[in-house]
Amino acid sequence: MSLASDVDSQRRPSATELMLVLDSLLASRALLMEDPRKGTVDGERNVMLNLEEAEVLRVLGEKGGPQWRQMLGI
């Protein structure tokens, strides 16, 4: 969350920061990842959101503010 609220919104997250976010979402079961043995030659795997659409819209609307609510139509 500190990255999402960073004052410098143009800063790109580092690979380490992205891995921390991914690990956290996987640990909470908010994301599910395909078995590594089914990945491509490059090690790519499918990732699936494991949340109800209504919950995603609610959280984005609450945390994202008016701009997100307008984009989502909520």
PDB file of N, CA and C in Angstrom:
ATOM      1  N   MET A   1       0.818  -1.195   0.000  1.00  0.00           N
ATOM      2  CA  MET A   1       0.000   0.000   0.000  1.00  0.00           C
ATOM      3  C   MET A   1       0.860   1.257   0.000  1.00  0.00           C
ATOM      4  N   SER A   2       2.054   1.182   0.575  1.00  0.00           N
ATOM      5  CA  SER A   2       2.890   2.374   0.573  1.00  0.00           C
ATOM      6  C   SER A   2       3.260   2.771  -0.849  1.00  0.00           C
ATOM      7  N   LEU A   3       3.424   1.797  -1.717  1.00  0.00           N
ATOM      8  CA  LEU A   3       3.746   2.096  -3.110  1.00  0.00           C
ATOM      9  C   LEU A   3       2.555   2.755  -3.796  1.00  0.00           C
ATOM     10  N   ALA A   4       1.336   2.258  -3.517  1.00  0.00           N
ATOM     11  CA  ALA A   4       0.132   2.801  -4.143  1.00  0.00           C
ATOM     12  C   ALA A   4      -0.133   4.235  -3.707  1.00  0.00           C
ATOM     13  N   SER A   5       0.283   4.595  -2.497  1.00  0.00           N
ATOM     14  CA  SER A   5       0.034   5.946  -2.021  1.00  0.00           C
ATOM     15  C   SER A   5       1.265   6.836  -2.155  1.00  0.00           C
ATOM     16  N   ASP A   6       2.264   6.348  -2.860  1.00  0.00           N
ATOM     17  CA  ASP A   6       3.503   7.101  -3.050  1.00  0.00           C
ATOM     18  C   ASP A   6       3.192   8.439  -3.722  1.00  0.00           C
ATOM     19  N   VAL A   7       3.794   9.499  -3.233  1.00  0.00           N
ATOM     20  CA  VAL A   7       3.581  10.836  -3.794  1.00  0.00           C
ATOM     21  C   VAL A   7       4.018  10.888  -5.251  1.00  0.00           C
ATOM     22  N   ASP A   8       5.108  10.206  -5.585  1.00  0.00           N
ATOM     23  CA  ASP A   8       5.623  10.199  -6.948  1.00  0.00           C
ATOM     24  C   ASP A   8       4.911   9.108  -7.745  1.00  0.00           C
ATOM     25  N   SER A   9       3.757   9.442  -8.318  1.00  0.00           N
ATOM     26  CA  SER A   9       2.953   8.447  -9.024  1.00  0.00           C
ATOM     27  C   SER A   9       3.583   8.006 -10.344  1.00  0.00           C
ATOM     28  N   GLN A  10       4.630   8.688 -10.785  1.00  0.00           N
ATOM     29  CA  GLN A  10       5.295   8.323 -12.029  1.00  0.00           C
ATOM     30  C   GLN A  10       6.380   7.267 -11.813  1.00  0.00           C
ATOM     31  N   ARG A  11       6.733   7.013 -10.559  1.00  0.00           N
ATOM     32  CA  ARG A  11       7.785   6.044 -10.256  1.00  0.00           C
ATOM     33  C   ARG A  11       7.288   4.629 -10.534  1.00  0.00           C
ATOM     34  N   ARG A  12       8.099   3.867 -11.237  1.00  0.00           N
ATOM     35  CA  ARG A  12       7.749   2.479 -11.521  1.00  0.00           C
ATOM     36  C   ARG A  12       8.213   1.604 -10.364  1.00  0.00           C
ATOM     37  N   PRO A  13       7.385   0.629  -9.980  1.00  0.00           N
ATOM     38  CA  PRO A  13       7.807  -0.268  -8.906  1.00  0.00           C
ATOM     39  C   PRO A  13       8.964  -1.147  -9.376  1.00  0.00           C
ATOM     40  N   SER A  14       9.822  -1.485  -8.447  1.00  0.00           N
ATOM     41  CA  SER A  14      10.952  -2.362  -8.777  1.00  0.00           C
ATOM     42  C   SER A  14      10.466  -3.802  -8.882  1.00  0.00           C
ATOM     43  N   ALA A  15      11.282  -4.651  -9.447  1.00  0.00           N
ATOM     44  CA  ALA A  15      10.944  -6.077  -9.544  1.00  0.00           C
ATOM     45  C   ALA A  15      10.749  -6.668  -8.152  1.00  0.00           C
ATOM     46  N   THR A  16      11.550  -6.240  -7.197  1.00  0.00           N
ATOM     47  CA  THR A  16      11.420  -6.733  -5.821  1.00  0.00           C
ATOM     48  C   THR A  16      10.084  -6.317  -5.219  1.00  0.00           C
ATOM     49  N   GLU A  17       9.681  -5.072  -5.438  1.00  0.00           N
ATOM     50  CA  GLU A  17       8.391  -4.597  -4.926  1.00  0.00           C
ATOM     51  C   GLU A  17       7.233  -5.368  -5.564  1.00  0.00           C
ATOM     52  N   LEU A  18       7.313  -5.607  -6.862  1.00  0.00           N
ATOM     53  CA  LEU A  18       6.262  -6.361  -7.540  1.00  0.00           C
ATOM     54  C   LEU A  18       6.185  -7.802  -7.034  1.00  0.00           C
ATOM     55  N   MET A  19       7.336  -8.407  -6.772  1.00  0.00           N
ATOM     56  CA  MET A  19       7.339  -9.775  -6.240  1.00  0.00           C
ATOM     57  C   MET A  19       6.738  -9.817  -4.836  1.00  0.00           C
ATOM     58  N   LEU A  20       6.972  -8.795  -4.030  1.00  0.00           N
ATOM     59  CA  LEU A  20       6.372  -8.735  -2.697  1.00  0.00           C
ATOM     60  C   LEU A  20       4.849  -8.649  -2.785  1.00  0.00           C
ATOM     61  N   VAL A  21       4.362  -7.845  -3.706  1.00  0.00           N
ATOM     62  CA  VAL A  21       2.924  -7.721  -3.909  1.00  0.00           C
ATOM     63  C   VAL A  21       2.348  -9.055  -4.388  1.00  0.00           C
ATOM     64  N   LEU A  22       2.991  -9.661  -5.383  1.00  0.00           N
ATOM     65  CA  LEU A  22       2.529 -10.945  -5.907  1.00  0.00           C
ATOM     66  C   LEU A  22       2.520 -12.005  -4.816  1.00  0.00           C
ATOM     67  N   ASP A  23       3.606 -12.102  -4.056  1.00  0.00           N
ATOM     68  CA  ASP A  23       3.678 -13.090  -2.974  1.00  0.00           C
ATOM     69  C   ASP A  23       2.573 -12.880  -1.946  1.00  0.00           C
ATOM     70  N   SER A  24       2.293 -11.630  -1.626  1.00  0.00           N
ATOM     71  CA  SER A  24       1.247 -11.313  -0.657  1.00  0.00           C
ATOM     72  C   SER A  24      -0.136 -11.717  -1.181  1.00  0.00           C
ATOM     73  N   LEU A  25      -0.402 -11.415  -2.454  1.00  0.00           N
ATOM     74  CA  LEU A  25      -1.698 -11.774  -3.049  1.00  0.00           C
ATOM     75  C   LEU A  25      -1.856 -13.283  -3.168  1.00  0.00           C
ATOM     76  N   LEU A  26      -0.778 -13.982  -3.464  1.00  0.00           N
ATOM     77  CA  LEU A  26      -0.832 -15.450  -3.526  1.00  0.00           C
ATOM     78  C   LEU A  26      -1.043 -16.040  -2.137  1.00  0.00           C
ATOM     79  N   ALA A  27      -0.354 -15.513  -1.140  1.00  0.00           N
ATOM     80  CA  ALA A  27      -0.487 -16.022   0.228  1.00  0.00           C
ATOM     81  C   ALA A  27      -1.900 -15.821   0.771  1.00  0.00           C
ATOM     82  N   SER A  28      -2.536 -14.729   0.382  1.00  0.00           N
ATOM     83  CA  SER A  28      -3.902 -14.455   0.846  1.00  0.00           C
ATOM     84  C   SER A  28      -4.954 -15.179   0.001  1.00  0.00           C
ATOM     85  N   ARG A  29      -4.510 -15.853  -1.036  1.00  0.00           N
ATOM     86  CA  ARG A  29      -5.377 -16.572  -1.976  1.00  0.00           C
ATOM     87  C   ARG A  29      -6.268 -15.627  -2.790  1.00  0.00           C
ATOM     88  N   ALA A  30      -5.893 -14.338  -2.835  1.00  0.00           N
ATOM     89  CA  ALA A  30      -6.605 -13.397  -3.691  1.00  0.00           C
ATOM     90  C   ALA A  30      -6.268 -13.666  -5.152  1.00  0.00           C
ATOM     91  N   LEU A  31      -5.064 -14.221  -5.384  1.00  0.00           N
ATOM     92  CA  LEU A  31      -4.641 -14.667  -6.705  1.00  0.00           C
ATOM     93  C   LEU A  31      -4.287 -16.139  -6.632  1.00  0.00           C
ATOM     94  N   LEU A  32      -4.553 -16.828  -7.709  1.00  0.00           N
ATOM     95  CA  LEU A  32      -4.140 -18.224  -7.844  1.00  0.00           C
ATOM     96  C   LEU A  32      -3.188 -18.295  -9.027  1.00  0.00           C
ATOM     97  N   MET A  33      -2.141 -19.115  -8.901  1.00  0.00           N
ATOM     98  CA  MET A  33      -1.158 -19.233  -9.978  1.00  0.00           C
ATOM     99  C   MET A  33      -1.143 -20.666 -10.504  1.00  0.00           C
ATOM    100  N   GLU A  34      -1.029 -20.750 -11.804  1.00  0.00           N
ATOM    101  CA  GLU A  34      -0.951 -22.036 -12.479  1.00  0.00           C
ATOM    102  C   GLU A  34       0.265 -22.834 -11.983  1.00  0.00           C
ATOM    103  N   ASP A  35       0.132 -24.123 -11.979  1.00  0.00           N
ATOM    104  CA  ASP A  35       1.223 -25.022 -11.594  1.00  0.00           C
ATOM    105  C   ASP A  35       2.444 -24.722 -12.464  1.00  0.00           C
ATOM    106  N   PRO A  36       3.631 -24.573 -11.857  1.00  0.00           N
ATOM    107  CA  PRO A  36       4.833 -24.234 -12.635  1.00  0.00           C
ATOM    108  C   PRO A  36       5.157 -25.257 -13.715  1.00  0.00           C
ATOM    109  N   ARG A  37       4.762 -26.496 -13.533  1.00  0.00           N
ATOM    110  CA  ARG A  37       5.043 -27.522 -14.549  1.00  0.00           C
ATOM    111  C   ARG A  37       4.215 -27.320 -15.803  1.00  0.00           C
ATOM    112  N   LYS A  38       3.162 -26.509 -15.721  1.00  0.00           N
ATOM    113  CA  LYS A  38       2.312 -26.248 -16.887  1.00  0.00           C
ATOM    114  C   LYS A  38       2.700 -24.952 -17.595  1.00  0.00           C
ATOM    115  N   GLY A  39       3.696 -24.254 -17.089  1.00  0.00           N
ATOM    116  CA  GLY A  39       4.120 -22.980 -17.668  1.00  0.00           C
ATOM    117  C   GLY A  39       4.795 -23.165 -19.014  1.00  0.00           C
ATOM    118  N   THR A  40       5.082 -22.065 -19.641  1.00  0.00           N
ATOM    119  CA  THR A  40       5.748 -22.090 -20.938  1.00  0.00           C
ATOM    120  C   THR A  40       7.241 -22.319 -20.743  1.00  0.00           C
ATOM    121  N   VAL A  41       7.935 -22.409 -21.837  1.00  0.00           N
ATOM    122  CA  VAL A  41       9.387 -22.608 -21.804  1.00  0.00           C
ATOM    123  C   VAL A  41      10.067 -21.474 -21.043  1.00  0.00           C
ATOM    124  N   ASP A  42       9.540 -20.268 -21.167  1.00  0.00           N
ATOM    125  CA  ASP A  42      10.121 -19.101 -20.508  1.00  0.00           C
ATOM    126  C   ASP A  42       9.762 -19.017 -19.029  1.00  0.00           C
ATOM    127  N   GLY A  43       9.005 -19.986 -18.527  1.00  0.00           N
ATOM    128  CA  GLY A  43       8.608 -19.979 -17.128  1.00  0.00           C
ATOM    129  C   GLY A  43       7.378 -19.139 -16.842  1.00  0.00           C
ATOM    130  N   GLU A  44       6.712 -18.674 -17.886  1.00  0.00           N
ATOM    131  CA  GLU A  44       5.503 -17.881 -17.691  1.00  0.00           C
ATOM    132  C   GLU A  44       4.370 -18.787 -17.239  1.00  0.00           C
ATOM    133  N   ARG A  45       3.521 -18.250 -16.363  1.00  0.00           N
ATOM    134  CA  ARG A  45       2.370 -19.001 -15.865  1.00  0.00           C
ATOM    135  C   ARG A  45       1.154 -18.099 -15.830  1.00  0.00           C
ATOM    136  N   ASN A  46      -0.003 -18.700 -15.936  1.00  0.00           N
ATOM    137  CA  ASN A  46      -1.249 -17.946 -15.829  1.00  0.00           C
ATOM    138  C   ASN A  46      -1.523 -17.622 -14.373  1.00  0.00           C
ATOM    139  N   VAL A  47      -2.072 -16.436 -14.153  1.00  0.00           N
ATOM    140  CA  VAL A  47      -2.486 -15.998 -12.828  1.00  0.00           C
ATOM    141  C   VAL A  47      -3.971 -15.659 -12.925  1.00  0.00           C
ATOM    142  N   MET A  48      -4.746 -16.100 -11.912  1.00  0.00           N
ATOM    143  CA  MET A  48      -6.185 -15.897 -11.935  1.00  0.00           C
ATOM    144  C   MET A  48      -6.627 -15.178 -10.662  1.00  0.00           C
ATOM    145  N   LEU A  49      -7.488 -14.178 -10.827  1.00  0.00           N
ATOM    146  CA  LEU A  49      -8.045 -13.464  -9.697  1.00  0.00           C
ATOM    147  C   LEU A  49      -9.051 -14.375  -9.005  1.00  0.00           C
ATOM    148  N   ASN A  50      -8.935 -14.511  -7.700  1.00  0.00           N
ATOM    149  CA  ASN A  50      -9.788 -15.418  -6.928  1.00  0.00           C
ATOM    150  C   ASN A  50     -10.716 -14.624  -6.007  1.00  0.00           C
ATOM    151  N   LEU A  51     -11.308 -13.553  -6.555  1.00  0.00           N
ATOM    152  CA  LEU A  51     -12.218 -12.701  -5.793  1.00  0.00           C
ATOM    153  C   LEU A  51     -13.485 -12.479  -6.608  1.00  0.00           C
ATOM    154  N   GLU A  52     -14.574 -12.220  -5.903  1.00  0.00           N
ATOM    155  CA  GLU A  52     -15.827 -11.884  -6.570  1.00  0.00           C
ATOM    156  C   GLU A  52     -15.707 -10.491  -7.197  1.00  0.00           C
ATOM    157  N   GLU A  53     -16.305 -10.320  -8.357  1.00  0.00           N
ATOM    158  CA  GLU A  53     -16.253  -9.040  -9.053  1.00  0.00           C
ATOM    159  C   GLU A  53     -16.782  -7.905  -8.182  1.00  0.00           C
ATOM    160  N   ALA A  54     -17.862  -8.150  -7.445  1.00  0.00           N
ATOM    161  CA  ALA A  54     -18.452  -7.114  -6.596  1.00  0.00           C
ATOM    162  C   ALA A  54     -17.464  -6.656  -5.526  1.00  0.00           C
ATOM    163  N   GLU A  55     -16.674  -7.582  -4.980  1.00  0.00           N
ATOM    164  CA  GLU A  55     -15.690  -7.232  -3.961  1.00  0.00           C
ATOM    165  C   GLU A  55     -14.577  -6.369  -4.562  1.00  0.00           C
ATOM    166  N   VAL A  56     -14.136  -6.708  -5.756  1.00  0.00           N
ATOM    167  CA  VAL A  56     -13.103  -5.917  -6.429  1.00  0.00           C
ATOM    168  C   VAL A  56     -13.618  -4.501  -6.695  1.00  0.00           C
ATOM    169  N   LEU A  57     -14.830  -4.384  -7.199  1.00  0.00           N
ATOM    170  CA  LEU A  57     -15.411  -3.066  -7.470  1.00  0.00           C
ATOM    171  C   LEU A  57     -15.562  -2.258  -6.187  1.00  0.00           C
ATOM    172  N   ARG A  58     -15.991  -2.917  -5.098  1.00  0.00           N
ATOM    173  CA  ARG A  58     -16.169  -2.224  -3.825  1.00  0.00           C
ATOM    174  C   ARG A  58     -14.842  -1.653  -3.331  1.00  0.00           C
ATOM    175  N   VAL A  59     -13.815  -2.473  -3.331  1.00  0.00           N
ATOM    176  CA  VAL A  59     -12.512  -2.031  -2.819  1.00  0.00           C
ATOM    177  C   VAL A  59     -11.914  -0.941  -3.707  1.00  0.00           C
ATOM    178  N   LEU A  60     -11.959  -1.134  -5.020  1.00  0.00           N
ATOM    179  CA  LEU A  60     -11.418  -0.101  -5.912  1.00  0.00           C
ATOM    180  C   LEU A  60     -12.182   1.204  -5.765  1.00  0.00           C
ATOM    181  N   GLY A  61     -13.491   1.108  -5.595  1.00  0.00           N
ATOM    182  CA  GLY A  61     -14.302   2.314  -5.414  1.00  0.00           C
ATOM    183  C   GLY A  61     -13.990   3.028  -4.122  1.00  0.00           C
ATOM    184  N   GLU A  62     -13.778   2.260  -3.039  1.00  0.00           N
ATOM    185  CA  GLU A  62     -13.474   2.863  -1.739  1.00  0.00           C
ATOM    186  C   GLU A  62     -12.065   3.438  -1.704  1.00  0.00           C
ATOM    187  N   LYS A  63     -11.093   2.680  -2.160  1.00  0.00           N
ATOM    188  CA  LYS A  63      -9.692   3.090  -2.065  1.00  0.00           C
ATOM    189  C   LYS A  63      -9.266   3.993  -3.208  1.00  0.00           C
ATOM    190  N   GLY A  64      -9.909   3.847  -4.366  1.00  0.00           N
ATOM    191  CA  GLY A  64      -9.491   4.597  -5.541  1.00  0.00           C
ATOM    192  C   GLY A  64     -10.064   5.989  -5.629  1.00  0.00           C
ATOM    193  N   GLY A  65     -11.109   6.238  -4.861  1.00  0.00           N
ATOM    194  CA  GLY A  65     -11.698   7.570  -4.860  1.00  0.00           C
ATOM    195  C   GLY A  65     -12.603   7.809  -6.057  1.00  0.00           C
ATOM    196  N   PRO A  66     -13.008   9.061  -6.240  1.00  0.00           N
ATOM    197  CA  PRO A  66     -13.988   9.407  -7.277  1.00  0.00           C
ATOM    198  C   PRO A  66     -13.558   9.033  -8.692  1.00  0.00           C
ATOM    199  N   GLN A  67     -12.271   9.171  -8.995  1.00  0.00           N
ATOM    200  CA  GLN A  67     -11.809   8.871 -10.349  1.00  0.00           C
ATOM    201  C   GLN A  67     -12.055   7.399 -10.677  1.00  0.00           C
ATOM    202  N   TRP A  68     -11.709   6.489  -9.754  1.00  0.00           N
ATOM    203  CA  TRP A  68     -11.929   5.056  -9.979  1.00  0.00           C
ATOM    204  C   TRP A  68     -13.419   4.741 -10.027  1.00  0.00           C
ATOM    205  N   ARG A  69     -14.206   5.347  -9.125  1.00  0.00           N
ATOM    206  CA  ARG A  69     -15.658   5.085  -9.119  1.00  0.00           C
ATOM    207  C   ARG A  69     -16.268   5.482 -10.450  1.00  0.00           C
ATOM    208  N   GLN A  70     -15.822   6.616 -10.999  1.00  0.00           N
ATOM    209  CA  GLN A  70     -16.353   7.079 -12.292  1.00  0.00           C
ATOM    210  C   GLN A  70     -15.960   6.103 -13.402  1.00  0.00           C
ATOM    211  N   MET A  71     -14.684   5.682 -13.410  1.00  0.00           N
ATOM    212  CA  MET A  71     -14.223   4.754 -14.457  1.00  0.00           C
ATOM    213  C   MET A  71     -14.956   3.425 -14.375  1.00  0.00           C
ATOM    214  N   LEU A  72     -15.264   2.964 -13.157  1.00  0.00           N
ATOM    215  CA  LEU A  72     -15.929   1.676 -12.959  1.00  0.00           C
ATOM    216  C   LEU A  72     -17.437   1.783 -13.071  1.00  0.00           C
ATOM    217  N   GLY A  73     -17.959   3.011 -13.085  1.00  0.00           N
ATOM    218  CA  GLY A  73     -19.400   3.204 -13.178  1.00  0.00           C
ATOM    219  C   GLY A  73     -20.130   2.788 -11.916  1.00  0.00           C
ATOM    220  N   ILE A  74     -19.496   3.009 -10.761  1.00  0.00           N
ATOM    221  CA  ILE A  74     -20.136   2.637  -9.490  1.00  0.00           C
ATOM    222  C   ILE A  74     -20.352   3.852  -8.615  1.00  0.00           C
TER     223      ILE A  74
END
